[in-house]
Amino acid sequence: MTASGIFETDNLFVYKYNKLYSFPISKLEVFAIKSDCFPTDETNYHFGFASALNQLPQDSAPNDTRFVYIGKKSPYSQQQLTLLNW
């Protein structure tokens, strides 16, 4: 994961409408899929985290909208959102 800029000390932040979930990268199962279109080196892989979705609450449907960020600190605000009526 060195080429991706992701470190074991980072967290995976999942934001779903007013709820923030955080998972330490070091605790997640990582997988990589090799891209067949390019020469094989460590930059031509798609990385993923296999167990994060299973750790979300049961009321989360797989197709719900979520925003994901990987890093040291969450970029998502923890303030109450204001509903806008259109």
PDB file of N, CA and C in Angstrom:
ATOM      1  N   MET A   1       0.820  -1.198   0.000  1.00  0.00           N
ATOM      2  CA  MET A   1       0.000   0.000   0.000  1.00  0.00           C
ATOM      3  C   MET A   1       0.859   1.255   0.000  1.00  0.00           C
ATOM      4  N   THR A   2       2.130   1.104   0.002  1.00  0.00           N
ATOM      5  CA  THR A   2       3.029   2.249   0.014  1.00  0.00           C
ATOM      6  C   THR A   2       2.749   3.194  -1.154  1.00  0.00           C
ATOM      7  N   ALA A   3       2.563   2.648  -2.341  1.00  0.00           N
ATOM      8  CA  ALA A   3       2.331   3.482  -3.528  1.00  0.00           C
ATOM      9  C   ALA A   3       1.018   4.242  -3.453  1.00  0.00           C
ATOM     10  N   SER A   4       0.055   3.749  -2.681  1.00  0.00           N
ATOM     11  CA  SER A   4      -1.253   4.403  -2.587  1.00  0.00           C
ATOM     12  C   SER A   4      -1.250   5.579  -1.622  1.00  0.00           C
ATOM     13  N   GLY A   5      -0.222   5.678  -0.775  1.00  0.00           N
ATOM     14  CA  GLY A   5      -0.184   6.753   0.214  1.00  0.00           C
ATOM     15  C   GLY A   5      -1.027   6.454   1.449  1.00  0.00           C
ATOM     16  N   ILE A   6      -1.478   5.207   1.582  1.00  0.00           N
ATOM     17  CA  ILE A   6      -2.260   4.795   2.755  1.00  0.00           C
ATOM     18  C   ILE A   6      -1.322   4.132   3.745  1.00  0.00           C
ATOM     19  N   PHE A   7      -1.445   4.527   5.013  1.00  0.00           N
ATOM     20  CA  PHE A   7      -0.582   3.995   6.057  1.00  0.00           C
ATOM     21  C   PHE A   7      -1.405   3.209   7.074  1.00  0.00           C
ATOM     22  N   GLU A   8      -0.769   2.268   7.754  1.00  0.00           N
ATOM     23  CA  GLU A   8      -1.474   1.456   8.751  1.00  0.00           C
ATOM     24  C   GLU A   8      -1.983   2.299   9.917  1.00  0.00           C
ATOM     25  N   THR A   9      -1.454   3.481  10.093  1.00  0.00           N
ATOM     26  CA  THR A   9      -1.901   4.366  11.170  1.00  0.00           C
ATOM     27  C   THR A   9      -3.095   5.224  10.765  1.00  0.00           C
ATOM     28  N   ASP A  10      -3.499   5.150   9.489  1.00  0.00           N
ATOM     29  CA  ASP A  10      -4.663   5.902   8.996  1.00  0.00           C
ATOM     30  C   ASP A  10      -5.961   5.226   9.428  1.00  0.00           C
ATOM     31  N   ASN A  11      -7.040   5.941   9.230  1.00  0.00           N
ATOM     32  CA  ASN A  11      -8.379   5.415   9.485  1.00  0.00           C
ATOM     33  C   ASN A  11      -9.206   5.495   8.219  1.00  0.00           C
ATOM     34  N   LEU A  12     -10.176   4.601   8.116  1.00  0.00           N
ATOM     35  CA  LEU A  12     -11.170   4.642   7.062  1.00  0.00           C
ATOM     36  C   LEU A  12     -12.406   5.284   7.671  1.00  0.00           C
ATOM     37  N   PHE A  13     -12.787   6.468   7.167  1.00  0.00           N
ATOM     38  CA  PHE A  13     -13.959   7.178   7.666  1.00  0.00           C
ATOM     39  C   PHE A  13     -15.100   6.983   6.682  1.00  0.00           C
ATOM     40  N   VAL A  14     -16.240   6.558   7.183  1.00  0.00           N
ATOM     41  CA  VAL A  14     -17.433   6.371   6.362  1.00  0.00           C
ATOM     42  C   VAL A  14     -18.495   7.307   6.909  1.00  0.00           C
ATOM     43  N   TYR A  15     -18.959   8.226   6.064  1.00  0.00           N
ATOM     44  CA  TYR A  15     -19.963   9.202   6.477  1.00  0.00           C
ATOM     45  C   TYR A  15     -21.261   8.895   5.754  1.00  0.00           C
ATOM     46  N   LYS A  16     -22.312   8.702   6.535  1.00  0.00           N
ATOM     47  CA  LYS A  16     -23.639   8.436   5.983  1.00  0.00           C
ATOM     48  C   LYS A  16     -24.620   9.346   6.706  1.00  0.00           C
ATOM     49  N   TYR A  17     -25.126  10.341   6.011  1.00  0.00           N
ATOM     50  CA  TYR A  17     -26.068  11.320   6.543  1.00  0.00           C
ATOM     51  C   TYR A  17     -26.087  11.429   8.064  1.00  0.00           C
ATOM     52  N   ASN A  18     -25.283  12.295   8.582  1.00  0.00           N
ATOM     53  CA  ASN A  18     -25.230  12.624  10.009  1.00  0.00           C
ATOM     54  C   ASN A  18     -24.653  11.532  10.895  1.00  0.00           C
ATOM     55  N   LYS A  19     -24.096  10.490  10.320  1.00  0.00           N
ATOM     56  CA  LYS A  19     -23.452   9.442  11.108  1.00  0.00           C
ATOM     57  C   LYS A  19     -22.059   9.225  10.550  1.00  0.00           C
ATOM     58  N   LEU A  20     -21.093   9.150  11.450  1.00  0.00           N
ATOM     59  CA  LEU A  20     -19.710   8.935  11.040  1.00  0.00           C
ATOM     60  C   LEU A  20     -19.199   7.662  11.683  1.00  0.00           C
ATOM     61  N   TYR A  21     -18.634   6.797  10.872  1.00  0.00           N
ATOM     62  CA  TYR A  21     -18.035   5.556  11.350  1.00  0.00           C
ATOM     63  C   TYR A  21     -16.553   5.614  11.044  1.00  0.00           C
ATOM     64  N   SER A  22     -15.744   5.098  11.937  1.00  0.00           N
ATOM     65  CA  SER A  22     -14.299   5.135  11.768  1.00  0.00           C
ATOM     66  C   SER A  22     -13.731   3.739  12.014  1.00  0.00           C
ATOM     67  N   PHE A  23     -12.836   3.308  11.114  1.00  0.00           N
ATOM     68  CA  PHE A  23     -12.216   1.998  11.224  1.00  0.00           C
ATOM     69  C   PHE A  23     -10.711   2.148  11.059  1.00  0.00           C
ATOM     70  N   PRO A  24      -9.907   1.672  12.005  1.00  0.00           N
ATOM     71  CA  PRO A  24      -8.451   1.720  11.827  1.00  0.00           C
ATOM     72  C   PRO A  24      -8.038   0.833  10.647  1.00  0.00           C
ATOM     73  N   ILE A  25      -7.237   1.354   9.758  1.00  0.00           N
ATOM     74  CA  ILE A  25      -6.754   0.596   8.604  1.00  0.00           C
ATOM     75  C   ILE A  25      -6.061  -0.687   9.060  1.00  0.00           C
ATOM     76  N   SER A  26      -5.334  -0.608  10.162  1.00  0.00           N
ATOM     77  CA  SER A  26      -4.585  -1.771  10.647  1.00  0.00           C
ATOM     78  C   SER A  26      -5.491  -2.927  11.052  1.00  0.00           C
ATOM     79  N   LYS A  27      -6.784  -2.671  11.265  1.00  0.00           N
ATOM     80  CA  LYS A  27      -7.722  -3.718  11.680  1.00  0.00           C
ATOM     81  C   LYS A  27      -8.558  -4.261  10.515  1.00  0.00           C
ATOM     82  N   LEU A  28      -8.404  -3.677   9.327  1.00  0.00           N
ATOM     83  CA  LEU A  28      -9.223  -4.082   8.183  1.00  0.00           C
ATOM     84  C   LEU A  28      -8.472  -5.069   7.295  1.00  0.00           C
ATOM     85  N   GLU A  29      -9.217  -5.973   6.689  1.00  0.00           N
ATOM     86  CA  GLU A  29      -8.647  -6.902   5.719  1.00  0.00           C
ATOM     87  C   GLU A  29      -8.511  -6.172   4.385  1.00  0.00           C
ATOM     88  N   VAL A  30      -7.309  -6.156   3.846  1.00  0.00           N
ATOM     89  CA  VAL A  30      -7.021  -5.441   2.606  1.00  0.00           C
ATOM     90  C   VAL A  30      -6.907  -6.444   1.461  1.00  0.00           C
ATOM     91  N   PHE A  31      -7.425  -6.056   0.303  1.00  0.00           N
ATOM     92  CA  PHE A  31      -7.217  -6.882  -0.880  1.00  0.00           C
ATOM     93  C   PHE A  31      -6.796  -5.991  -2.034  1.00  0.00           C
ATOM     94  N   ALA A  32      -6.165  -6.584  -3.020  1.00  0.00           N
ATOM     95  CA  ALA A  32      -5.727  -5.851  -4.210  1.00  0.00           C
ATOM     96  C   ALA A  32      -6.062  -6.687  -5.437  1.00  0.00           C
ATOM     97  N   ILE A  33      -6.531  -6.010  -6.476  1.00  0.00           N
ATOM     98  CA  ILE A  33      -6.841  -6.664  -7.743  1.00  0.00           C
ATOM     99  C   ILE A  33      -5.923  -6.066  -8.801  1.00  0.00           C
ATOM    100  N   LYS A  34      -5.209  -6.925  -9.485  1.00  0.00           N
ATOM    101  CA  LYS A  34      -4.251  -6.489 -10.498  1.00  0.00           C
ATOM    102  C   LYS A  34      -4.987  -6.020 -11.751  1.00  0.00           C
ATOM    103  N   SER A  35      -4.527  -4.919 -12.298  1.00  0.00           N
ATOM    104  CA  SER A  35      -5.064  -4.427 -13.552  1.00  0.00           C
ATOM    105  C   SER A  35      -4.384  -5.164 -14.705  1.00  0.00           C
ATOM    106  N   ASP A  36      -5.162  -5.777 -15.595  1.00  0.00           N
ATOM    107  CA  ASP A  36      -4.599  -6.522 -16.726  1.00  0.00           C
ATOM    108  C   ASP A  36      -4.209  -5.617 -17.898  1.00  0.00           C
ATOM    109  N   CYS A  37      -4.591  -4.360 -17.841  1.00  0.00           N
ATOM    110  CA  CYS A  37      -4.351  -3.448 -18.970  1.00  0.00           C
ATOM    111  C   CYS A  37      -2.958  -2.836 -18.972  1.00  0.00           C
ATOM    112  N   PHE A  38      -2.251  -2.902 -17.845  1.00  0.00           N
ATOM    113  CA  PHE A  38      -0.968  -2.216 -17.721  1.00  0.00           C
ATOM    114  C   PHE A  38       0.094  -3.190 -17.223  1.00  0.00           C
ATOM    115  N   PRO A  39       1.357  -2.839 -17.394  1.00  0.00           N
ATOM    116  CA  PRO A  39       2.430  -3.690 -16.839  1.00  0.00           C
ATOM    117  C   PRO A  39       2.257  -3.838 -15.326  1.00  0.00           C
ATOM    118  N   THR A  40       2.688  -4.962 -14.814  1.00  0.00           N
ATOM    119  CA  THR A  40       2.509  -5.240 -13.390  1.00  0.00           C
ATOM    120  C   THR A  40       3.595  -4.559 -12.562  1.00  0.00           C
ATOM    121  N   ASP A  41       3.194  -3.621 -11.758  1.00  0.00           N
ATOM    122  CA  ASP A  41       4.018  -3.063 -10.692  1.00  0.00           C
ATOM    123  C   ASP A  41       3.053  -2.620  -9.598  1.00  0.00           C
ATOM    124  N   GLU A  42       3.562  -2.103  -8.506  1.00  0.00           N
ATOM    125  CA  GLU A  42       2.680  -1.842  -7.355  1.00  0.00           C
ATOM    126  C   GLU A  42       1.707  -0.682  -7.573  1.00  0.00           C
ATOM    127  N   THR A  43       1.830   0.048  -8.674  1.00  0.00           N
ATOM    128  CA  THR A  43       0.898   1.146  -8.917  1.00  0.00           C
ATOM    129  C   THR A  43      -0.302   0.731  -9.759  1.00  0.00           C
ATOM    130  N   ASN A  44      -0.311  -0.463 -10.309  1.00  0.00           N
ATOM    131  CA  ASN A  44      -1.392  -0.901 -11.194  1.00  0.00           C
ATOM    132  C   ASN A  44      -2.326  -1.902 -10.522  1.00  0.00           C
ATOM    133  N   TYR A  45      -2.738  -1.583  -9.312  1.00  0.00           N
ATOM    134  CA  TYR A  45      -3.672  -2.413  -8.566  1.00  0.00           C
ATOM    135  C   TYR A  45      -4.832  -1.558  -8.062  1.00  0.00           C
ATOM    136  N   HIS A  46      -5.975  -2.173  -7.912  1.00  0.00           N
ATOM    137  CA  HIS A  46      -7.116  -1.548  -7.247  1.00  0.00           C
ATOM    138  C   HIS A  46      -7.151  -2.115  -5.839  1.00  0.00           C
ATOM    139  N   PHE A  47      -7.119  -1.243  -4.834  1.00  0.00           N
ATOM    140  CA  PHE A  47      -7.120  -1.680  -3.443  1.00  0.00           C
ATOM    141  C   PHE A  47      -8.524  -1.587  -2.871  1.00  0.00           C
ATOM    142  N   GLY A  48      -8.807  -2.444  -1.919  1.00  0.00           N
ATOM    143  CA  GLY A  48     -10.097  -2.399  -1.231  1.00  0.00           C
ATOM    144  C   GLY A  48      -9.967  -2.922   0.183  1.00  0.00           C
ATOM    145  N   PHE A  49     -11.011  -2.720   0.957  1.00  0.00           N
ATOM    146  CA  PHE A  49     -11.062  -3.178   2.338  1.00  0.00           C
ATOM    147  C   PHE A  49     -12.286  -4.061   2.492  1.00  0.00           C
ATOM    148  N   ALA A  50     -12.077  -5.334   2.744  1.00  0.00           N
ATOM    149  CA  ALA A  50     -13.131  -6.334   2.665  1.00  0.00           C
ATOM    150  C   ALA A  50     -14.129  -6.297   3.806  1.00  0.00           C
ATOM    151  N   SER A  51     -13.729  -5.959   5.003  1.00  0.00           N
ATOM    152  CA  SER A  51     -14.639  -6.142   6.131  1.00  0.00           C
ATOM    153  C   SER A  51     -15.347  -4.880   6.605  1.00  0.00           C
ATOM    154  N   ALA A  52     -15.065  -3.719   6.058  1.00  0.00           N
ATOM    155  CA  ALA A  52     -15.662  -2.483   6.564  1.00  0.00           C
ATOM    156  C   ALA A  52     -17.179  -2.481   6.430  1.00  0.00           C
ATOM    157  N   LEU A  53     -17.716  -2.932   5.300  1.00  0.00           N
ATOM    158  CA  LEU A  53     -19.157  -2.916   5.091  1.00  0.00           C
ATOM    159  C   LEU A  53     -19.878  -3.784   6.125  1.00  0.00           C
ATOM    160  N   ASN A  54     -19.284  -4.913   6.498  1.00  0.00           N
ATOM    161  CA  ASN A  54     -19.893  -5.800   7.493  1.00  0.00           C
ATOM    162  C   ASN A  54     -19.911  -5.183   8.884  1.00  0.00           C
ATOM    163  N   GLN A  55     -19.129  -4.154   9.107  1.00  0.00           N
ATOM    164  CA  GLN A  55     -19.045  -3.524  10.417  1.00  0.00           C
ATOM    165  C   GLN A  55     -20.002  -2.345  10.567  1.00  0.00           C
ATOM    166  N   LEU A  56     -20.738  -2.006   9.519  1.00  0.00           N
ATOM    167  CA  LEU A  56     -21.725  -0.934   9.607  1.00  0.00           C
ATOM    168  C   LEU A  56     -23.006  -1.470  10.243  1.00  0.00           C
ATOM    169  N   PRO A  57     -23.822  -0.599  10.837  1.00  0.00           N
ATOM    170  CA  PRO A  57     -25.066  -1.045  11.471  1.00  0.00           C
ATOM    171  C   PRO A  57     -25.975  -1.780  10.503  1.00  0.00           C
ATOM    172  N   GLN A  58     -26.815  -2.648  11.037  1.00  0.00           N
ATOM    173  CA  GLN A  58     -27.698  -3.482  10.233  1.00  0.00           C
ATOM    174  C   GLN A  58     -28.675  -2.669   9.388  1.00  0.00           C
ATOM    175  N   ASP A  59     -29.006  -1.433   9.812  1.00  0.00           N
ATOM    176  CA  ASP A  59     -29.957  -0.628   9.038  1.00  0.00           C
ATOM    177  C   ASP A  59     -29.338  -0.035   7.775  1.00  0.00           C
ATOM    178  N   SER A  60     -28.056  -0.291   7.537  1.00  0.00           N
ATOM    179  CA  SER A  60     -27.393   0.212   6.333  1.00  0.00           C
ATOM    180  C   SER A  60     -27.608  -0.752   5.185  1.00  0.00           C
ATOM    181  N   ALA A  61     -28.210  -0.258   4.132  1.00  0.00           N
ATOM    182  CA  ALA A  61     -28.375  -1.054   2.920  1.00  0.00           C
ATOM    183  C   ALA A  61     -27.121  -0.891   2.062  1.00  0.00           C
ATOM    184  N   PRO A  62     -26.711  -1.921   1.341  1.00  0.00           N
ATOM    185  CA  PRO A  62     -25.488  -1.837   0.531  1.00  0.00           C
ATOM    186  C   PRO A  62     -25.496  -0.699  -0.488  1.00  0.00           C
ATOM    187  N   ASN A  63     -26.675  -0.273  -0.941  1.00  0.00           N
ATOM    188  CA  ASN A  63     -26.745   0.779  -1.957  1.00  0.00           C
ATOM    189  C   ASN A  63     -26.988   2.175  -1.387  1.00  0.00           C
ATOM    190  N   ASP A  64     -26.964   2.335  -0.068  1.00  0.00           N
ATOM    191  CA  ASP A  64     -27.101   3.660   0.537  1.00  0.00           C
ATOM    192  C   ASP A  64     -25.937   4.548   0.100  1.00  0.00           C
ATOM    193  N   THR A  65     -26.185   5.852   0.027  1.00  0.00           N
ATOM    194  CA  THR A  65     -25.136   6.794  -0.329  1.00  0.00           C
ATOM    195  C   THR A  65     -24.222   7.012   0.864  1.00  0.00           C
ATOM    196  N   ARG A  66     -22.938   6.865   0.614  1.00  0.00           N
ATOM    197  CA  ARG A  66     -21.924   7.080   1.648  1.00  0.00           C
ATOM    198  C   ARG A  66     -20.764   7.845   1.024  1.00  0.00           C
ATOM    199  N   PHE A  67     -20.041   8.559   1.879  1.00  0.00           N
ATOM    200  CA  PHE A  67     -18.806   9.198   1.466  1.00  0.00           C
ATOM    201  C   PHE A  67     -17.697   8.558   2.269  1.00  0.00           C
ATOM    202  N   VAL A  68     -16.566   8.299   1.627  1.00  0.00           N
ATOM    203  CA  VAL A  68     -15.470   7.595   2.282  1.00  0.00           C
ATOM    204  C   VAL A  68     -14.199   8.413   2.151  1.00  0.00           C
ATOM    205  N   TYR A  69     -13.422   8.433   3.243  1.00  0.00           N
ATOM    206  CA  TYR A  69     -12.140   9.141   3.249  1.00  0.00           C
ATOM    207  C   TYR A  69     -11.155   8.298   4.040  1.00  0.00           C
ATOM    208  N   ILE A  70      -9.909   8.253   3.586  1.00  0.00           N
ATOM    209  CA  ILE A  70      -8.852   7.553   4.320  1.00  0.00           C
ATOM    210  C   ILE A  70      -7.798   8.571   4.698  1.00  0.00           C
ATOM    211  N   GLY A  71      -7.474   8.627   5.995  1.00  0.00           N
ATOM    212  CA  GLY A  71      -6.456   9.555   6.467  1.00  0.00           C
ATOM    213  C   GLY A  71      -6.368   9.551   7.976  1.00  0.00           C
ATOM    214  N   LYS A  72      -5.660  10.522   8.501  1.00  0.00           N
ATOM    215  CA  LYS A  72      -5.455  10.622   9.957  1.00  0.00           C
ATOM    216  C   LYS A  72      -6.669  11.212  10.665  1.00  0.00           C
ATOM    217  N   LYS A  73      -7.278  12.252  10.054  1.00  0.00           N
ATOM    218  CA  LYS A  73      -8.412  12.949  10.673  1.00  0.00           C
ATOM    219  C   LYS A  73      -9.594  12.970   9.722  1.00  0.00           C
ATOM    220  N   SER A  74     -10.778  12.911  10.281  1.00  0.00           N
ATOM    221  CA  SER A  74     -11.996  12.953   9.473  1.00  0.00           C
ATOM    222  C   SER A  74     -12.220  14.354   8.904  1.00  0.00           C
ATOM    223  N   PRO A  75     -12.546  14.449   7.614  1.00  0.00           N
ATOM    224  CA  PRO A  75     -12.849  15.750   7.023  1.00  0.00           C
ATOM    225  C   PRO A  75     -14.325  16.127   7.180  1.00  0.00           C
ATOM    226  N   TYR A  76     -15.129  15.244   7.767  1.00  0.00           N
ATOM    227  CA  TYR A  76     -16.571  15.449   7.840  1.00  0.00           C
ATOM    228  C   TYR A  76     -16.968  16.187   9.116  1.00  0.00           C
ATOM    229  N   SER A  77     -17.850  17.138   8.985  1.00  0.00           N
ATOM    230  CA  SER A  77     -18.350  17.908  10.115  1.00  0.00           C
ATOM    231  C   SER A  77     -19.237  17.031  10.989  1.00  0.00           C
ATOM    232  N   GLN A  78     -19.166  17.238  12.280  1.00  0.00           N
ATOM    233  CA  GLN A  78     -20.011  16.498  13.211  1.00  0.00           C
ATOM    234  C   GLN A  78     -21.163  17.357  13.719  1.00  0.00           C
ATOM    235  N   GLN A  79     -21.387  18.508  13.084  1.00  0.00           N
ATOM    236  CA  GLN A  79     -22.478  19.380  13.481  1.00  0.00           C
ATOM    237  C   GLN A  79     -23.783  18.885  12.894  1.00  0.00           C
ATOM    238  N   GLN A  80     -24.873  19.225  13.555  1.00  0.00           N
ATOM    239  CA  GLN A  80     -26.198  18.850  13.076  1.00  0.00           C
ATOM    240  C   GLN A  80     -26.451  19.491  11.718  1.00  0.00           C
ATOM    241  N   LEU A  81     -26.970  18.707  10.773  1.00  0.00           N
ATOM    242  CA  LEU A  81     -27.311  19.228   9.452  1.00  0.00           C
ATOM    243  C   LEU A  81     -28.650  19.937   9.482  1.00  0.00           C
ATOM    244  N   THR A  82     -28.807  20.915   8.620  1.00  0.00           N
ATOM    245  CA  THR A  82     -30.061  21.649   8.513  1.00  0.00           C
ATOM    246  C   THR A  82     -30.795  21.194   7.260  1.00  0.00           C
ATOM    247  N   LEU A  83     -32.025  20.771   7.415  1.00  0.00           N
ATOM    248  CA  LEU A  83     -32.847  20.325   6.297  1.00  0.00           C
ATOM    249  C   LEU A  83     -33.262  21.521   5.456  1.00  0.00           C
ATOM    250  N   LEU A  84     -33.061  21.421   4.149  1.00  0.00           N
ATOM    251  CA  LEU A  84     -33.480  22.471   3.228  1.00  0.00           C
ATOM    252  C   LEU A  84     -34.715  21.988   2.488  1.00  0.00           C
ATOM    253  N   ASN A  85     -35.794  22.750   2.555  1.00  0.00           N
ATOM    254  CA  ASN A  85     -37.001  22.426   1.796  1.00  0.00           C
ATOM    255  C   ASN A  85     -36.932  23.163   0.478  1.00  0.00           C
ATOM    256  N   TRP A  86     -37.066  22.441  -0.628  1.00  0.00           N
ATOM    257  CA  TRP A  86     -36.976  23.038  -1.958  1.00  0.00           C
ATOM    258  C   TRP A  86     -38.341  23.363  -2.475  1.00  0.00           C
TER     259      TRP A  86
END
